[in-house]
PDB file of N, CA and C in Angstrom:
ATOM      1  N   MET A   1       0.851  -1.168   0.000  1.00  0.00           N
ATOM      2  CA  MET A   1       0.000   0.000   0.000  1.00  0.00           C
ATOM      3  C   MET A   1       0.896   1.230   0.000  1.00  0.00           C
ATOM      4  N   GLU A   2       0.688   2.105  -0.937  1.00  0.00           N
ATOM      5  CA  GLU A   2       1.467   3.330  -1.062  1.00  0.00           C
ATOM      6  C   GLU A   2       0.867   4.407  -0.163  1.00  0.00           C
ATOM      7  N   THR A   3       1.702   5.139   0.549  1.00  0.00           N
ATOM      8  CA  THR A   3       1.226   6.224   1.391  1.00  0.00           C
ATOM      9  C   THR A   3       1.962   7.503   1.017  1.00  0.00           C
ATOM     10  N   LYS A   4       1.200   8.567   0.765  1.00  0.00           N
ATOM     11  CA  LYS A   4       1.793   9.861   0.453  1.00  0.00           C
ATOM     12  C   LYS A   4       1.106  10.915   1.286  1.00  0.00           C
ATOM     13  N   SER A   5       1.847  11.962   1.622  1.00  0.00           N
ATOM     14  CA  SER A   5       1.285  13.021   2.453  1.00  0.00           C
ATOM     15  C   SER A   5       0.331  13.902   1.647  1.00  0.00           C
ATOM     16  N   PHE A   6      -0.484  14.665   2.359  1.00  0.00           N
ATOM     17  CA  PHE A   6      -1.500  15.508   1.766  1.00  0.00           C
ATOM     18  C   PHE A   6      -1.096  16.961   1.975  1.00  0.00           C
ATOM     19  N   GLN A   7      -1.159  17.755   0.948  1.00  0.00           N
ATOM     20  CA  GLN A   7      -0.728  19.144   1.005  1.00  0.00           C
ATOM     21  C   GLN A   7      -1.751  19.995   1.752  1.00  0.00           C
ATOM     22  N   THR A   8      -1.271  20.906   2.595  1.00  0.00           N
ATOM     23  CA  THR A   8      -2.150  21.803   3.335  1.00  0.00           C
ATOM     24  C   THR A   8      -2.326  23.126   2.600  1.00  0.00           C
ATOM     25  N   ALA A   9      -3.281  23.940   3.060  1.00  0.00           N
ATOM     26  CA  ALA A   9      -3.564  25.268   2.506  1.00  0.00           C
ATOM     27  C   ALA A   9      -3.763  25.218   0.996  1.00  0.00           C
ATOM     28  N   LYS A  10      -4.579  24.260   0.550  1.00  0.00           N
ATOM     29  CA  LYS A  10      -4.837  24.066  -0.878  1.00  0.00           C
ATOM     30  C   LYS A  10      -6.294  23.617  -1.045  1.00  0.00           C
ATOM     31  N   VAL A  11      -6.998  24.238  -1.982  1.00  0.00           N
ATOM     32  CA  VAL A  11      -8.356  23.804  -2.305  1.00  0.00           C
ATOM     33  C   VAL A  11      -8.247  22.522  -3.115  1.00  0.00           C
ATOM     34  N   PHE A  12      -9.104  21.541  -2.804  1.00  0.00           N
ATOM     35  CA  PHE A  12      -8.999  20.249  -3.479  1.00  0.00           C
ATOM     36  C   PHE A  12     -10.355  19.578  -3.586  1.00  0.00           C
ATOM     37  N   ASN A  13     -10.404  18.553  -4.420  1.00  0.00           N
ATOM     38  CA  ASN A  13     -11.553  17.658  -4.559  1.00  0.00           C
ATOM     39  C   ASN A  13     -11.005  16.262  -4.304  1.00  0.00           C
ATOM     40  N   PHE A  14     -11.540  15.566  -3.295  1.00  0.00           N
ATOM     41  CA  PHE A  14     -10.990  14.265  -2.922  1.00  0.00           C
ATOM     42  C   PHE A  14     -10.914  13.285  -4.091  1.00  0.00           C
ATOM     43  N   THR A  15     -11.873  13.312  -4.997  1.00  0.00           N
ATOM     44  CA  THR A  15     -11.858  12.345  -6.096  1.00  0.00           C
ATOM     45  C   THR A  15     -10.638  12.521  -6.997  1.00  0.00           C
ATOM     46  N   ASN A  16     -10.035  13.711  -6.991  1.00  0.00           N
ATOM     47  CA  ASN A  16      -8.861  13.971  -7.834  1.00  0.00           C
ATOM     48  C   ASN A  16      -7.533  13.806  -7.106  1.00  0.00           C
ATOM     49  N   GLU A  17      -7.561  13.505  -5.831  1.00  0.00           N
ATOM     50  CA  GLU A  17      -6.343  13.522  -5.020  1.00  0.00           C
ATOM     51  C   GLU A  17      -5.643  12.174  -4.858  1.00  0.00           C
ATOM     52  N   ALA A  18      -6.249  11.095  -5.354  1.00  0.00           N
ATOM     53  CA  ALA A  18      -5.599   9.780  -5.282  1.00  0.00           C
ATOM     54  C   ALA A  18      -5.951   9.009  -6.548  1.00  0.00           C
ATOM     55  N   ASP A  19      -4.937   8.553  -7.252  1.00  0.00           N
ATOM     56  CA  ASP A  19      -5.137   7.748  -8.451  1.00  0.00           C
ATOM     57  C   ASP A  19      -5.182   6.274  -8.074  1.00  0.00           C
ATOM     58  N   TYR A  20      -5.891   5.500  -8.875  1.00  0.00           N
ATOM     59  CA  TYR A  20      -5.922   4.056  -8.665  1.00  0.00           C
ATOM     60  C   TYR A  20      -4.583   3.447  -9.080  1.00  0.00           C
ATOM     61  N   SER A  21      -4.191   2.393  -8.392  1.00  0.00           N
ATOM     62  CA  SER A  21      -2.985   1.642  -8.709  1.00  0.00           C
ATOM     63  C   SER A  21      -3.413   0.235  -9.107  1.00  0.00           C
ATOM     64  N   ASN A  22      -2.937  -0.250 -10.241  1.00  0.00           N
ATOM     65  CA  ASN A  22      -3.305  -1.578 -10.724  1.00  0.00           C
ATOM     66  C   ASN A  22      -3.013  -2.632  -9.660  1.00  0.00           C
ATOM     67  N   ASN A  23      -4.042  -3.364  -9.240  1.00  0.00           N
ATOM     68  CA  ASN A  23      -3.935  -4.399  -8.203  1.00  0.00           C
ATOM     69  C   ASN A  23      -3.386  -3.869  -6.883  1.00  0.00           C
ATOM     70  N   GLY A  24      -3.721  -2.625  -6.550  1.00  0.00           N
ATOM     71  CA  GLY A  24      -3.185  -2.064  -5.327  1.00  0.00           C
ATOM     72  C   GLY A  24      -4.146  -1.149  -4.593  1.00  0.00           C
ATOM     73  N   ILE A  25      -3.643  -0.604  -3.496  1.00  0.00           N
ATOM     74  CA  ILE A  25      -4.360   0.352  -2.671  1.00  0.00           C
ATOM     75  C   ILE A  25      -3.443   1.556  -2.480  1.00  0.00           C
ATOM     76  N   VAL A  26      -3.967   2.745  -2.750  1.00  0.00           N
ATOM     77  CA  VAL A  26      -3.215   3.982  -2.547  1.00  0.00           C
ATOM     78  C   VAL A  26      -3.811   4.683  -1.333  1.00  0.00           C
ATOM     79  N   SER A  27      -2.946   5.174  -0.461  1.00  0.00           N
ATOM     80  CA  SER A  27      -3.383   5.865   0.753  1.00  0.00           C
ATOM     81  C   SER A  27      -2.672   7.203   0.857  1.00  0.00           C
ATOM     82  N   LYS A  28      -3.437   8.247   1.196  1.00  0.00           N
ATOM     83  CA  LYS A  28      -2.862   9.569   1.447  1.00  0.00           C
ATOM     84  C   LYS A  28      -3.403  10.076   2.777  1.00  0.00           C
ATOM     85  N   ARG A  29      -2.521  10.484   3.663  1.00  0.00           N
ATOM     86  CA  ARG A  29      -2.933  11.031   4.951  1.00  0.00           C
ATOM     87  C   ARG A  29      -3.373  12.471   4.732  1.00  0.00           C
ATOM     88  N   VAL A  30      -4.606  12.781   5.064  1.00  0.00           N
ATOM     89  CA  VAL A  30      -5.139  14.132   4.921  1.00  0.00           C
ATOM     90  C   VAL A  30      -4.780  14.944   6.162  1.00  0.00           C
ATOM     91  N   LEU A  31      -5.105  14.407   7.336  1.00  0.00           N
ATOM     92  CA  LEU A  31      -4.783  15.041   8.615  1.00  0.00           C
ATOM     93  C   LEU A  31      -4.321  13.976   9.599  1.00  0.00           C
ATOM     94  N   GLU A  32      -3.391  14.350  10.456  1.00  0.00           N
ATOM     95  CA  GLU A  32      -2.931  13.431  11.501  1.00  0.00           C
ATOM     96  C   GLU A  32      -2.744  14.228  12.786  1.00  0.00           C
ATOM     97  N   LYS A  33      -3.597  13.918  13.763  1.00  0.00           N
ATOM     98  CA  LYS A  33      -3.567  14.589  15.060  1.00  0.00           C
ATOM     99  C   LYS A  33      -3.617  13.526  16.146  1.00  0.00           C
ATOM    100  N   LYS A  34      -3.251  13.880  17.385  1.00  0.00           N
ATOM    101  CA  LYS A  34      -3.310  12.880  18.445  1.00  0.00           C
ATOM    102  C   LYS A  34      -4.740  12.473  18.765  1.00  0.00           C
ATOM    103  N   THR A  35      -5.711  13.285  18.374  1.00  0.00           N
ATOM    104  CA  THR A  35      -7.121  12.962  18.613  1.00  0.00           C
ATOM    105  C   THR A  35      -7.767  12.190  17.468  1.00  0.00           C
ATOM    106  N   GLY A  36      -7.035  11.993  16.369  1.00  0.00           N
ATOM    107  CA  GLY A  36      -7.579  11.221  15.261  1.00  0.00           C
ATOM    108  C   GLY A  36      -6.888  11.516  13.946  1.00  0.00           C
ATOM    109  N   ASN A  37      -7.273  10.751  12.928  1.00  0.00           N
ATOM    110  CA  ASN A  37      -6.677  10.870  11.600  1.00  0.00           C
ATOM    111  C   ASN A  37      -7.762  10.865  10.535  1.00  0.00           C
ATOM    112  N   VAL A  38      -7.453  11.494   9.407  1.00  0.00           N
ATOM    113  CA  VAL A  38      -8.293  11.423   8.216  1.00  0.00           C
ATOM    114  C   VAL A  38      -7.383  10.959   7.091  1.00  0.00           C
ATOM    115  N   SER A  39      -7.782   9.872   6.403  1.00  0.00           N
ATOM    116  CA  SER A  39      -6.984   9.326   5.300  1.00  0.00           C
ATOM    117  C   SER A  39      -7.866   9.117   4.090  1.00  0.00           C
ATOM    118  N   LEU A  40      -7.284   9.318   2.916  1.00  0.00           N
ATOM    119  CA  LEU A  40      -7.950   9.080   1.644  1.00  0.00           C
ATOM    120  C   LEU A  40      -7.376   7.795   1.048  1.00  0.00           C
ATOM    121  N   PHE A  41      -8.251   6.892   0.620  1.00  0.00           N
ATOM    122  CA  PHE A  41      -7.835   5.629   0.015  1.00  0.00           C
ATOM    123  C   PHE A  41      -8.429   5.480  -1.376  1.00  0.00           C
ATOM    124  N   ALA A  42      -7.684   4.868  -2.276  1.00  0.00           N
ATOM    125  CA  ALA A  42      -8.172   4.455  -3.598  1.00  0.00           C
ATOM    126  C   ALA A  42      -7.864   2.968  -3.742  1.00  0.00           C
ATOM    127  N   PHE A  43      -8.909   2.144  -3.832  1.00  0.00           N
ATOM    128  CA  PHE A  43      -8.782   0.692  -3.940  1.00  0.00           C
ATOM    129  C   PHE A  43      -9.036   0.257  -5.371  1.00  0.00           C
ATOM    130  N   ASP A  44      -8.172  -0.566  -5.924  1.00  0.00           N
ATOM    131  CA  ASP A  44      -8.466  -1.196  -7.204  1.00  0.00           C
ATOM    132  C   ASP A  44      -9.476  -2.320  -6.955  1.00  0.00           C
ATOM    133  N   LYS A  45     -10.249  -2.659  -7.960  1.00  0.00           N
ATOM    134  CA  LYS A  45     -11.237  -3.731  -7.839  1.00  0.00           C
ATOM    135  C   LYS A  45     -10.566  -5.004  -7.330  1.00  0.00           C
ATOM    136  N   GLY A  46     -11.194  -5.654  -6.333  1.00  0.00           N
ATOM    137  CA  GLY A  46     -10.687  -6.899  -5.795  1.00  0.00           C
ATOM    138  C   GLY A  46      -9.722  -6.749  -4.630  1.00  0.00           C
ATOM    139  N   GLN A  47      -9.298  -5.532  -4.344  1.00  0.00           N
ATOM    140  CA  GLN A  47      -8.382  -5.312  -3.221  1.00  0.00           C
ATOM    141  C   GLN A  47      -9.164  -5.266  -1.914  1.00  0.00           C
ATOM    142  N   SER A  48      -8.481  -5.505  -0.791  1.00  0.00           N
ATOM    143  CA  SER A  48      -9.183  -5.522   0.489  1.00  0.00           C
ATOM    144  C   SER A  48      -8.247  -5.204   1.642  1.00  0.00           C
ATOM    145  N   LEU A  49      -8.852  -4.820   2.750  1.00  0.00           N
ATOM    146  CA  LEU A  49      -8.171  -4.734   4.036  1.00  0.00           C
ATOM    147  C   LEU A  49      -8.762  -5.860   4.867  1.00  0.00           C
ATOM    148  N   SER A  50      -7.927  -6.761   5.339  1.00  0.00           N
ATOM    149  CA  SER A  50      -8.408  -7.935   6.069  1.00  0.00           C
ATOM    150  C   SER A  50      -9.023  -7.531   7.411  1.00  0.00           C
ATOM    151  N   GLU A  51      -9.783  -8.458   7.954  1.00  0.00           N
ATOM    152  CA  GLU A  51     -10.473  -8.197   9.212  1.00  0.00           C
ATOM    153  C   GLU A  51      -9.484  -7.832  10.316  1.00  0.00           C
ATOM    154  N   HIS A  52      -9.836  -6.794  11.052  1.00  0.00           N
ATOM    155  CA  HIS A  52      -9.020  -6.324  12.167  1.00  0.00           C
ATOM    156  C   HIS A  52      -9.918  -5.523  13.110  1.00  0.00           C
ATOM    157  N   THR A  53      -9.381  -5.120  14.244  1.00  0.00           N
ATOM    158  CA  THR A  53     -10.102  -4.250  15.167  1.00  0.00           C
ATOM    159  C   THR A  53      -9.261  -3.008  15.423  1.00  0.00           C
ATOM    160  N   ALA A  54      -9.913  -1.970  15.914  1.00  0.00           N
ATOM    161  CA  ALA A  54      -9.229  -0.736  16.295  1.00  0.00           C
ATOM    162  C   ALA A  54      -9.815  -0.275  17.623  1.00  0.00           C
ATOM    163  N   PRO A  55      -9.014   0.359  18.449  1.00  0.00           N
ATOM    164  CA  PRO A  55      -9.497   0.760  19.766  1.00  0.00           C
ATOM    165  C   PRO A  55     -10.313   2.055  19.761  1.00  0.00           C
ATOM    166  N   PHE A  56     -10.701   2.528  18.575  1.00  0.00           N
ATOM    167  CA  PHE A  56     -11.469   3.767  18.485  1.00  0.00           C
ATOM    168  C   PHE A  56     -12.433   3.695  17.304  1.00  0.00           C
ATOM    169  N   ASP A  57     -13.468   4.528  17.329  1.00  0.00           N
ATOM    170  CA  ASP A  57     -14.448   4.565  16.250  1.00  0.00           C
ATOM    171  C   ASP A  57     -13.807   5.075  14.966  1.00  0.00           C
ATOM    172  N   ALA A  58     -14.316   4.581  13.835  1.00  0.00           N
ATOM    173  CA  ALA A  58     -13.850   5.031  12.529  1.00  0.00           C
ATOM    174  C   ALA A  58     -15.047   5.132  11.598  1.00  0.00           C
ATOM    175  N   MET A  59     -15.069   6.177  10.783  1.00  0.00           N
ATOM    176  CA  MET A  59     -16.137   6.355   9.817  1.00  0.00           C
ATOM    177  C   MET A  59     -15.566   6.261   8.406  1.00  0.00           C
ATOM    178  N   VAL A  60     -16.242   5.495   7.565  1.00  0.00           N
ATOM    179  CA  VAL A  60     -15.892   5.406   6.149  1.00  0.00           C
ATOM    180  C   VAL A  60     -16.900   6.233   5.376  1.00  0.00           C
ATOM    181  N   GLN A  61     -16.406   7.115   4.526  1.00  0.00           N
ATOM    182  CA  GLN A  61     -17.258   7.863   3.603  1.00  0.00           C
ATOM    183  C   GLN A  61     -16.786   7.520   2.195  1.00  0.00           C
ATOM    184  N   VAL A  62     -17.631   6.819   1.436  1.00  0.00           N
ATOM    185  CA  VAL A  62     -17.270   6.445   0.067  1.00  0.00           C
ATOM    186  C   VAL A  62     -17.502   7.661  -0.832  1.00  0.00           C
ATOM    187  N   ILE A  63     -16.477   8.040  -1.588  1.00  0.00           N
ATOM    188  CA  ILE A  63     -16.592   9.215  -2.453  1.00  0.00           C
ATOM    189  C   ILE A  63     -16.653   8.856  -3.930  1.00  0.00           C
ATOM    190  N   GLU A  64     -16.353   7.585  -4.252  1.00  0.00           N
ATOM    191  CA  GLU A  64     -16.431   7.134  -5.649  1.00  0.00           C
ATOM    192  C   GLU A  64     -16.531   5.615  -5.644  1.00  0.00           C
ATOM    193  N   GLY A  65     -17.424   5.050  -6.453  1.00  0.00           N
ATOM    194  CA  GLY A  65     -17.533   3.608  -6.570  1.00  0.00           C
ATOM    195  C   GLY A  65     -18.342   2.973  -5.455  1.00  0.00           C
ATOM    196  N   THR A  66     -18.121   1.661  -5.244  1.00  0.00           N
ATOM    197  CA  THR A  66     -18.873   0.876  -4.265  1.00  0.00           C
ATOM    198  C   THR A  66     -17.939  -0.092  -3.552  1.00  0.00           C
ATOM    199  N   ALA A  67     -18.175  -0.247  -2.237  1.00  0.00           N
ATOM    200  CA  ALA A  67     -17.370  -1.152  -1.420  1.00  0.00           C
ATOM    201  C   ALA A  67     -18.274  -2.012  -0.560  1.00  0.00           C
ATOM    202  N   GLU A  68     -17.714  -3.139  -0.119  1.00  0.00           N
ATOM    203  CA  GLU A  68     -18.356  -3.956   0.894  1.00  0.00           C
ATOM    204  C   GLU A  68     -17.584  -3.712   2.186  1.00  0.00           C
ATOM    205  N   ILE A  69     -18.301  -3.231   3.197  1.00  0.00           N
ATOM    206  CA  ILE A  69     -17.716  -3.002   4.511  1.00  0.00           C
ATOM    207  C   ILE A  69     -18.323  -4.052   5.434  1.00  0.00           C
ATOM    208  N   ILE A  70     -17.478  -4.837   6.067  1.00  0.00           N
ATOM    209  CA  ILE A  70     -17.959  -5.903   6.949  1.00  0.00           C
ATOM    210  C   ILE A  70     -17.684  -5.478   8.390  1.00  0.00           C
ATOM    211  N   ILE A  71     -18.745  -5.444   9.211  1.00  0.00           N
ATOM    212  CA  ILE A  71     -18.628  -5.090  10.624  1.00  0.00           C
ATOM    213  C   ILE A  71     -19.259  -6.215  11.424  1.00  0.00           C
ATOM    214  N   ASN A  72     -18.505  -6.779  12.360  1.00  0.00           N
ATOM    215  CA  ASN A  72     -19.004  -7.911  13.162  1.00  0.00           C
ATOM    216  C   ASN A  72     -19.541  -9.027  12.264  1.00  0.00           C
ATOM    217  N   HIS A  73     -18.853  -9.306  11.181  1.00  0.00           N
ATOM    218  CA  HIS A  73     -19.172 -10.379  10.233  1.00  0.00           C
ATOM    219  C   HIS A  73     -20.447 -10.128   9.441  1.00  0.00           C
ATOM    220  N   GLU A  74     -20.990  -8.905   9.499  1.00  0.00           N
ATOM    221  CA  GLU A  74     -22.172  -8.554   8.706  1.00  0.00           C
ATOM    222  C   GLU A  74     -21.760  -7.614   7.576  1.00  0.00           C
ATOM    223  N   PRO A  75     -22.039  -7.991   6.316  1.00  0.00           N
ATOM    224  CA  PRO A  75     -21.632  -7.150   5.184  1.00  0.00           C
ATOM    225  C   PRO A  75     -22.611  -6.002   4.930  1.00  0.00           C
ATOM    226  N   TYR A  76     -22.047  -4.863   4.560  1.00  0.00           N
ATOM    227  CA  TYR A  76     -22.818  -3.680   4.179  1.00  0.00           C
ATOM    228  C   TYR A  76     -22.272  -3.193   2.838  1.00  0.00           C
ATOM    229  N   ILE A  77     -23.144  -2.889   1.907  1.00  0.00           N
ATOM    230  CA  ILE A  77     -22.732  -2.314   0.633  1.00  0.00           C
ATOM    231  C   ILE A  77     -22.843  -0.802   0.766  1.00  0.00           C
ATOM    232  N   VAL A  78     -21.717  -0.124   0.529  1.00  0.00           N
ATOM    233  CA  VAL A  78     -21.658   1.324   0.705  1.00  0.00           C
ATOM    234  C   VAL A  78     -21.185   1.932  -0.618  1.00  0.00           C
ATOM    235  N   SER A  79     -21.975   2.852  -1.159  1.00  0.00           N
ATOM    236  CA  SER A  79     -21.676   3.464  -2.456  1.00  0.00           C
ATOM    237  C   SER A  79     -21.364   4.948  -2.309  1.00  0.00           C
ATOM    238  N   ALA A  80     -20.903   5.550  -3.397  1.00  0.00           N
ATOM    239  CA  ALA A  80     -20.536   6.967  -3.409  1.00  0.00           C
ATOM    240  C   ALA A  80     -21.626   7.810  -2.766  1.00  0.00           C
ATOM    241  N   GLY A  81     -21.208   8.688  -1.861  1.00  0.00           N
ATOM    242  CA  GLY A  81     -22.135   9.555  -1.156  1.00  0.00           C
ATOM    243  C   GLY A  81     -22.661   8.961   0.140  1.00  0.00           C
ATOM    244  N   GLU A  82     -22.341   7.699   0.416  1.00  0.00           N
ATOM    245  CA  GLU A  82     -22.811   7.038   1.634  1.00  0.00           C
ATOM    246  C   GLU A  82     -21.660   6.838   2.610  1.00  0.00           C
ATOM    247  N   SER A  83     -22.031   6.697   3.893  1.00  0.00           N
ATOM    248  CA  SER A  83     -21.042   6.525   4.957  1.00  0.00           C
ATOM    249  C   SER A  83     -21.507   5.449   5.919  1.00  0.00           C
ATOM    250  N   ILE A  84     -20.554   4.903   6.683  1.00  0.00           N
ATOM    251  CA  ILE A  84     -20.867   3.946   7.736  1.00  0.00           C
ATOM    252  C   ILE A  84     -19.837   4.108   8.845  1.00  0.00           C
ATOM    253  N   ILE A  85     -20.292   3.920  10.086  1.00  0.00           N
ATOM    254  CA  ILE A  85     -19.397   4.024  11.234  1.00  0.00           C
ATOM    255  C   ILE A  85     -19.046   2.620  11.709  1.00  0.00           C
ATOM    256  N   MET A  86     -17.758   2.380  11.868  1.00  0.00           N
ATOM    257  CA  MET A  86     -17.258   1.120  12.406  1.00  0.00           C
ATOM    258  C   MET A  86     -16.932   1.360  13.869  1.00  0.00           C
ATOM    259  N   PRO A  87     -17.692   0.745  14.791  1.00  0.00           N
ATOM    260  CA  PRO A  87     -17.478   1.024  16.213  1.00  0.00           C
ATOM    261  C   PRO A  87     -16.162   0.445  16.739  1.00  0.00           C
ATOM    262  N   ALA A  88     -15.631   1.114  17.743  1.00  0.00           N
ATOM    263  CA  ALA A  88     -14.380   0.679  18.371  1.00  0.00           C
ATOM    264  C   ALA A  88     -14.483  -0.756  18.862  1.00  0.00           C
ATOM    265  N   ASN A  89     -13.360  -1.464  18.763  1.00  0.00           N
ATOM    266  CA  ASN A  89     -13.203  -2.826  19.288  1.00  0.00           C
ATOM    267  C   ASN A  89     -14.107  -3.864  18.636  1.00  0.00           C
ATOM    268  N   ASN A  90     -14.655  -3.564  17.468  1.00  0.00           N
ATOM    269  CA  ASN A  90     -15.459  -4.516  16.702  1.00  0.00           C
ATOM    270  C   ASN A  90     -14.685  -4.905  15.449  1.00  0.00           C
ATOM    271  N   PRO A  91     -14.653  -6.198  15.097  1.00  0.00           N
ATOM    272  CA  PRO A  91     -13.927  -6.600  13.891  1.00  0.00           C
ATOM    273  C   PRO A  91     -14.578  -5.999  12.645  1.00  0.00           C
ATOM    274  N   HIS A  92     -13.726  -5.537  11.733  1.00  0.00           N
ATOM    275  CA  HIS A  92     -14.229  -4.977  10.474  1.00  0.00           C
ATOM    276  C   HIS A  92     -13.212  -5.231   9.361  1.00  0.00           C
ATOM    277  N   ALA A  93     -13.728  -5.195   8.125  1.00  0.00           N
ATOM    278  CA  ALA A  93     -12.898  -5.412   6.936  1.00  0.00           C
ATOM    279  C   ALA A  93     -13.478  -4.589   5.793  1.00  0.00           C
ATOM    280  N   VAL A  94     -12.674  -4.380   4.753  1.00  0.00           N
ATOM    281  CA  VAL A  94     -13.089  -3.599   3.589  1.00  0.00           C
ATOM    282  C   VAL A  94     -12.758  -4.396   2.335  1.00  0.00           C
ATOM    283  N   ASN A  95     -13.737  -4.531   1.425  1.00  0.00           N
ATOM    284  CA  ASN A  95     -13.541  -5.219   0.147  1.00  0.00           C
ATOM    285  C   ASN A  95     -13.977  -4.313  -1.003  1.00  0.00           C
ATOM    286  N   ALA A  96     -13.137  -4.223  -2.021  1.00  0.00           N
ATOM    287  CA  ALA A  96     -13.454  -3.407  -3.193  1.00  0.00           C
ATOM    288  C   ALA A  96     -14.241  -4.237  -4.202  1.00  0.00           C
ATOM    289  N   ILE A  97     -15.554  -4.030  -4.244  1.00  0.00           N
ATOM    290  CA  ILE A  97     -16.412  -4.694  -5.228  1.00  0.00           C
ATOM    291  C   ILE A  97     -16.048  -4.210  -6.625  1.00  0.00           C
ATOM    292  N   GLU A  98     -15.719  -2.932  -6.713  1.00  0.00           N
ATOM    293  CA  GLU A  98     -15.234  -2.278  -7.927  1.00  0.00           C
ATOM    294  C   GLU A  98     -14.206  -1.253  -7.468  1.00  0.00           C
ATOM    295  N   GLN A  99     -13.576  -0.573  -8.372  1.00  0.00           N
ATOM    296  CA  GLN A  99     -12.674   0.493  -7.953  1.00  0.00           C
ATOM    297  C   GLN A  99     -13.478   1.474  -7.107  1.00  0.00           C
ATOM    298  N   PHE A 100     -12.905   1.880  -5.984  1.00  0.00           N
ATOM    299  CA  PHE A 100     -13.604   2.873  -5.173  1.00  0.00           C
ATOM    300  C   PHE A 100     -12.608   3.697  -4.371  1.00  0.00           C
ATOM    301  N   LYS A 101     -13.079   4.889  -3.981  1.00  0.00           N
ATOM    302  CA  LYS A 101     -12.293   5.782  -3.138  1.00  0.00           C
ATOM    303  C   LYS A 101     -13.098   6.076  -1.886  1.00  0.00           C
ATOM    304  N   MET A 102     -12.376   6.174  -0.772  1.00  0.00           N
ATOM    305  CA  MET A 102     -13.048   6.449   0.501  1.00  0.00           C
ATOM    306  C   MET A 102     -12.195   7.333   1.381  1.00  0.00           C
ATOM    307  N   LEU A 103     -12.874   8.061   2.255  1.00  0.00           N
ATOM    308  CA  LEU A 103     -12.227   8.752   3.350  1.00  0.00           C
ATOM    309  C   LEU A 103     -12.395   7.885   4.579  1.00  0.00           C
ATOM    310  N   LEU A 104     -11.339   7.717   5.337  1.00  0.00           N
ATOM    311  CA  LEU A 104     -11.394   7.013   6.611  1.00  0.00           C
ATOM    312  C   LEU A 104     -11.114   8.048   7.688  1.00  0.00           C
ATOM    313  N   ILE A 105     -12.112   8.256   8.555  1.00  0.00           N
ATOM    314  CA  ILE A 105     -12.012   9.252   9.607  1.00  0.00           C
ATOM    315  C   ILE A 105     -11.997   8.500  10.938  1.00  0.00           C
ATOM    316  N   MET A 106     -10.864   8.544  11.640  1.00  0.00           N
ATOM    317  CA  MET A 106     -10.706   7.836  12.904  1.00  0.00           C
ATOM    318  C   MET A 106     -10.657   8.841  14.043  1.00  0.00           C
ATOM    319  N   ILE A 107     -11.524   8.645  15.036  1.00  0.00           N
ATOM    320  CA  ILE A 107     -11.601   9.533  16.176  1.00  0.00           C
ATOM    321  C   ILE A 107     -11.097   8.765  17.407  1.00  0.00           C
ATOM    322  N   LYS A 108     -10.080   9.295  18.049  1.00  0.00           N
ATOM    323  CA  LYS A 108      -9.492   8.650  19.218  1.00  0.00           C
ATOM    324  C   LYS A 108      -9.958   9.317  20.494  1.00  0.00           C
ATOM    325  N   GLU A 109     -10.062   8.538  21.555  1.00  0.00           N
ATOM    326  CA  GLU A 109     -10.348   9.109  22.874  1.00  0.00           C
ATOM    327  C   GLU A 109      -9.018   9.293  23.578  1.00  0.00           C
ATOM    328  N   ILE A 110      -8.846  10.438  24.188  1.00  0.00           N
ATOM    329  CA  ILE A 110      -7.604  10.681  24.925  1.00  0.00           C
ATOM    330  C   ILE A 110      -7.884  10.998  26.365  1.00  0.00           C
TER     331      ILE A 110
END
């Protein structure tokens, strides 16, 4: 997975800020603070993030395409313009049904 930093003090459109990578996942950190992070991802069709847990809530906002988000072993289909919250300490995974881009917003408790 490729990770690149995100430029500040610049007007942008998320759909233009990450290109798809053949058989890969591209990640760009938008913001990184001790209270949470915002990351932009571009998944090629068929790519996935395997099941894992996180100690804090995370919200996925799909900005292009469609993904399958699995929370507690229950699949949800999330398309452009839709969002879902993955609760802390619950297993979750992400599967690219087709090429898609998403924002991942993680909020930490301090």
